[in-house]
Amino acid sequence: WVVATWNGPRAIRRIELDHGDSARDYAQTVDVYLWIDGVWKKTLENASEKPAPFAFRNRHPIYGRFVTSLVLPEAPLAEGVKIEIVKPNTRYAWTLAEINVFVGGSSTGRSISVP
């Protein structure tokens, strides 16, 4: 699993898992937990999105990046995210180059940098 936290609650709308240039190196299913009021709460269960072959930056596609986009059903106020592999792809390693967390009430929102 991977954990990223930040200071202060933010309304989380979408999470992007950037796998870099690794087309096959992603987990088949993951659970997503958010740190809400001092407790990890499961927000998405068995999420299984295949990565798109590009990422959007400043509303322009960047090809050669493989990004899994996880949209949350609501925009809960959270201070962290935990991504836990439920079903790994046993033929390949899991590569994670970057996590982008989108905040705000809309599906586009703005991203916060999670080191």
C-alpha atoms as a PDB file:
ATOM      1  CA  TRP A   1       0.000   0.000   0.000  1.00  0.00           C
ATOM      2  CA  VAL A   2       0.912   3.647  -0.470  1.00  0.00           C
ATOM      3  CA  VAL A   3      -0.072   6.553   1.780  1.00  0.00           C
ATOM      4  CA  ALA A   4       0.003  10.294   1.078  1.00  0.00           C
ATOM      5  CA  THR A   5      -1.106  12.920   3.607  1.00  0.00           C
ATOM      6  CA  TRP A   6      -1.389  16.709   3.682  1.00  0.00           C
ATOM      7  CA  ASN A   7      -2.212  19.446   6.193  1.00  0.00           C
ATOM      8  CA  GLY A   8      -5.845  20.422   6.537  1.00  0.00           C
ATOM      9  CA  PRO A   9      -8.980  18.761   5.178  1.00  0.00           C
ATOM     10  CA  ARG A  10      -9.643  19.046   1.435  1.00  0.00           C
ATOM     11  CA  ALA A  11     -12.690  18.016  -0.600  1.00  0.00           C
ATOM     12  CA  ILE A  12     -11.293  15.104  -2.648  1.00  0.00           C
ATOM     13  CA  ARG A  13     -13.016  14.464  -5.963  1.00  0.00           C
ATOM     14  CA  ARG A  14     -10.592  12.382  -8.036  1.00  0.00           C
ATOM     15  CA  ILE A  15      -7.263  10.592  -7.649  1.00  0.00           C
ATOM     16  CA  GLU A  16      -4.872   9.865 -10.503  1.00  0.00           C
ATOM     17  CA  LEU A  17      -2.244   7.150 -10.258  1.00  0.00           C
ATOM     18  CA  ASP A  18       0.489   7.912 -12.785  1.00  0.00           C
ATOM     19  CA  HIS A  19       2.371   4.751 -13.751  1.00  0.00           C
ATOM     20  CA  GLY A  20       4.946   6.623 -15.828  1.00  0.00           C
ATOM     21  CA  ASP A  21       5.795   4.941 -19.107  1.00  0.00           C
ATOM     22  CA  SER A  22       4.962   1.449 -17.785  1.00  0.00           C
ATOM     23  CA  ALA A  23       1.917   0.262 -19.751  1.00  0.00           C
ATOM     24  CA  ARG A  24       1.520  -3.046 -17.890  1.00  0.00           C
ATOM     25  CA  ASP A  25       2.786  -2.206 -14.414  1.00  0.00           C
ATOM     26  CA  TYR A  26      -0.439  -1.491 -12.557  1.00  0.00           C
ATOM     27  CA  ALA A  27      -2.547  -3.352 -10.017  1.00  0.00           C
ATOM     28  CA  GLN A  28      -5.652  -5.036 -11.389  1.00  0.00           C
ATOM     29  CA  THR A  29      -7.803  -3.851  -8.460  1.00  0.00           C
ATOM     30  CA  VAL A  30      -7.214  -1.445  -5.578  1.00  0.00           C
ATOM     31  CA  ASP A  31      -9.074  -0.192  -2.534  1.00  0.00           C
ATOM     32  CA  VAL A  32      -8.961   3.534  -1.797  1.00  0.00           C
ATOM     33  CA  TYR A  33      -9.111   4.838   1.764  1.00  0.00           C
ATOM     34  CA  LEU A  34      -9.344   8.467   2.851  1.00  0.00           C
ATOM     35  CA  TRP A  35      -8.091   9.831   6.170  1.00  0.00           C
ATOM     36  CA  ILE A  36     -11.249  11.438   7.573  1.00  0.00           C
ATOM     37  CA  ASP A  37     -11.510  12.669  11.176  1.00  0.00           C
ATOM     38  CA  GLY A  38      -8.476  10.619  12.240  1.00  0.00           C
ATOM     39  CA  VAL A  39      -9.694   7.310  10.759  1.00  0.00           C
ATOM     40  CA  TRP A  40      -9.018   5.504   7.453  1.00  0.00           C
ATOM     41  CA  LYS A  41     -12.400   5.140   5.710  1.00  0.00           C
ATOM     42  CA  LYS A  42     -12.791   2.920   2.637  1.00  0.00           C
ATOM     43  CA  THR A  43     -14.100   5.113  -0.173  1.00  0.00           C
ATOM     44  CA  LEU A  44     -13.648   2.872  -3.236  1.00  0.00           C
ATOM     45  CA  GLU A  45     -13.617  -0.908  -3.119  1.00  0.00           C
ATOM     46  CA  ASN A  46     -12.128  -3.147  -5.813  1.00  0.00           C
ATOM     47  CA  ALA A  47     -11.541  -0.248  -8.204  1.00  0.00           C
ATOM     48  CA  SER A  48     -10.279  -1.684 -11.478  1.00  0.00           C
ATOM     49  CA  GLU A  49      -9.613   1.013 -14.021  1.00  0.00           C
ATOM     50  CA  LYS A  50      -7.186   0.243 -16.834  1.00  0.00           C
ATOM     51  CA  PRO A  51      -4.677   3.093 -17.260  1.00  0.00           C
ATOM     52  CA  ALA A  52      -5.231   5.525 -20.114  1.00  0.00           C
ATOM     53  CA  PRO A  53      -2.212   5.844 -22.478  1.00  0.00           C
ATOM     54  CA  PHE A  54      -1.865   9.567 -21.734  1.00  0.00           C
ATOM     55  CA  ALA A  55      -2.159  12.157 -18.981  1.00  0.00           C
ATOM     56  CA  PHE A  56      -3.694  15.612 -19.119  1.00  0.00           C
ATOM     57  CA  ARG A  57      -1.612  18.555 -17.955  1.00  0.00           C
ATOM     58  CA  ASN A  58      -2.963  22.085 -18.379  1.00  0.00           C
ATOM     59  CA  ARG A  59      -5.814  20.633 -20.477  1.00  0.00           C
ATOM     60  CA  HIS A  60      -3.413  19.089 -22.999  1.00  0.00           C
ATOM     61  CA  PRO A  61      -2.724  15.359 -23.446  1.00  0.00           C
ATOM     62  CA  ILE A  62       0.768  14.090 -22.720  1.00  0.00           C
ATOM     63  CA  TYR A  63       1.318  10.768 -24.469  1.00  0.00           C
ATOM     64  CA  GLY A  64       3.659   8.101 -23.164  1.00  0.00           C
ATOM     65  CA  ARG A  65       2.234   8.292 -19.610  1.00  0.00           C
ATOM     66  CA  PHE A  66      -0.143   5.642 -18.292  1.00  0.00           C
ATOM     67  CA  VAL A  67      -2.624   7.065 -15.786  1.00  0.00           C
ATOM     68  CA  THR A  68      -5.393   5.394 -13.772  1.00  0.00           C
ATOM     69  CA  SER A  69      -8.132   7.861 -12.856  1.00  0.00           C
ATOM     70  CA  LEU A  70     -10.237   7.043  -9.780  1.00  0.00           C
ATOM     71  CA  VAL A  71     -13.363   9.192  -9.405  1.00  0.00           C
ATOM     72  CA  LEU A  72     -14.914   9.319  -5.941  1.00  0.00           C
ATOM     73  CA  PRO A  73     -18.712   9.142  -5.649  1.00  0.00           C
ATOM     74  CA  GLU A  74     -18.734  12.179  -3.335  1.00  0.00           C
ATOM     75  CA  ALA A  75     -16.184  14.852  -2.430  1.00  0.00           C
ATOM     76  CA  PRO A  76     -15.403  14.038   1.217  1.00  0.00           C
ATOM     77  CA  LEU A  77     -13.139  16.250   3.320  1.00  0.00           C
ATOM     78  CA  ALA A  78      -9.946  14.274   3.876  1.00  0.00           C
ATOM     79  CA  GLU A  79      -6.366  14.774   5.031  1.00  0.00           C
ATOM     80  CA  GLY A  80      -4.829  11.773   3.301  1.00  0.00           C
ATOM     81  CA  VAL A  81      -5.249   8.923   0.854  1.00  0.00           C
ATOM     82  CA  LYS A  82      -4.195   5.279   1.064  1.00  0.00           C
ATOM     83  CA  ILE A  83      -4.088   3.057  -2.025  1.00  0.00           C
ATOM     84  CA  GLU A  84      -4.072  -0.652  -1.220  1.00  0.00           C
ATOM     85  CA  ILE A  85      -3.591  -3.374  -3.831  1.00  0.00           C
ATOM     86  CA  VAL A  86      -6.384  -5.959  -3.673  1.00  0.00           C
ATOM     87  CA  LYS A  87      -5.471  -7.975  -6.760  1.00  0.00           C
ATOM     88  CA  PRO A  88      -1.947  -7.525  -8.115  1.00  0.00           C
ATOM     89  CA  ASN A  89      -0.944  -8.214 -11.688  1.00  0.00           C
ATOM     90  CA  THR A  90       1.259 -11.204 -10.902  1.00  0.00           C
ATOM     91  CA  ARG A  91       3.086 -11.040 -14.241  1.00  0.00           C
ATOM     92  CA  TYR A  92       4.391  -7.492 -13.678  1.00  0.00           C
ATOM     93  CA  ALA A  93       5.581  -5.247 -10.870  1.00  0.00           C
ATOM     94  CA  TRP A  94       3.464  -2.297  -9.714  1.00  0.00           C
ATOM     95  CA  THR A  95       4.956   1.015 -10.860  1.00  0.00           C
ATOM     96  CA  LEU A  96       3.752   4.275  -9.388  1.00  0.00           C
ATOM     97  CA  ALA A  97       5.515   7.445 -10.535  1.00  0.00           C
ATOM     98  CA  GLU A  98       3.114  10.039  -9.119  1.00  0.00           C
ATOM     99  CA  ILE A  99      -0.156  10.518  -7.265  1.00  0.00           C
ATOM    100  CA  ASN A 100      -2.356  13.489  -8.170  1.00  0.00           C
ATOM    101  CA  VAL A 101      -5.240  14.325  -5.855  1.00  0.00           C
ATOM    102  CA  PHE A 102      -7.915  16.623  -7.274  1.00  0.00           C
ATOM    103  CA  VAL A 103      -9.779  18.811  -4.820  1.00  0.00           C
ATOM    104  CA  GLY A 104     -12.974  20.805  -5.126  1.00  0.00           C
ATOM    105  CA  GLY A 105     -16.639  20.133  -5.668  1.00  0.00           C
ATOM    106  CA  SER A 106     -16.395  19.500  -9.432  1.00  0.00           C
ATOM    107  CA  SER A 107     -14.947  16.536 -11.292  1.00  0.00           C
ATOM    108  CA  THR A 108     -12.171  18.679 -12.745  1.00  0.00           C
ATOM    109  CA  GLY A 109     -11.093  20.518  -9.599  1.00  0.00           C
ATOM    110  CA  ARG A 110      -7.502  21.507  -9.012  1.00  0.00           C
ATOM    111  CA  SER A 111      -4.735  19.135  -8.040  1.00  0.00           C
ATOM    112  CA  ILE A 112      -2.569  19.267  -4.970  1.00  0.00           C
ATOM    113  CA  SER A 113       0.982  18.037  -5.064  1.00  0.00           C
ATOM    114  CA  VAL A 114       1.519  15.001  -2.851  1.00  0.00           C
ATOM    115  CA  PRO A 115       5.250  14.397  -2.299  1.00  0.00           C
END
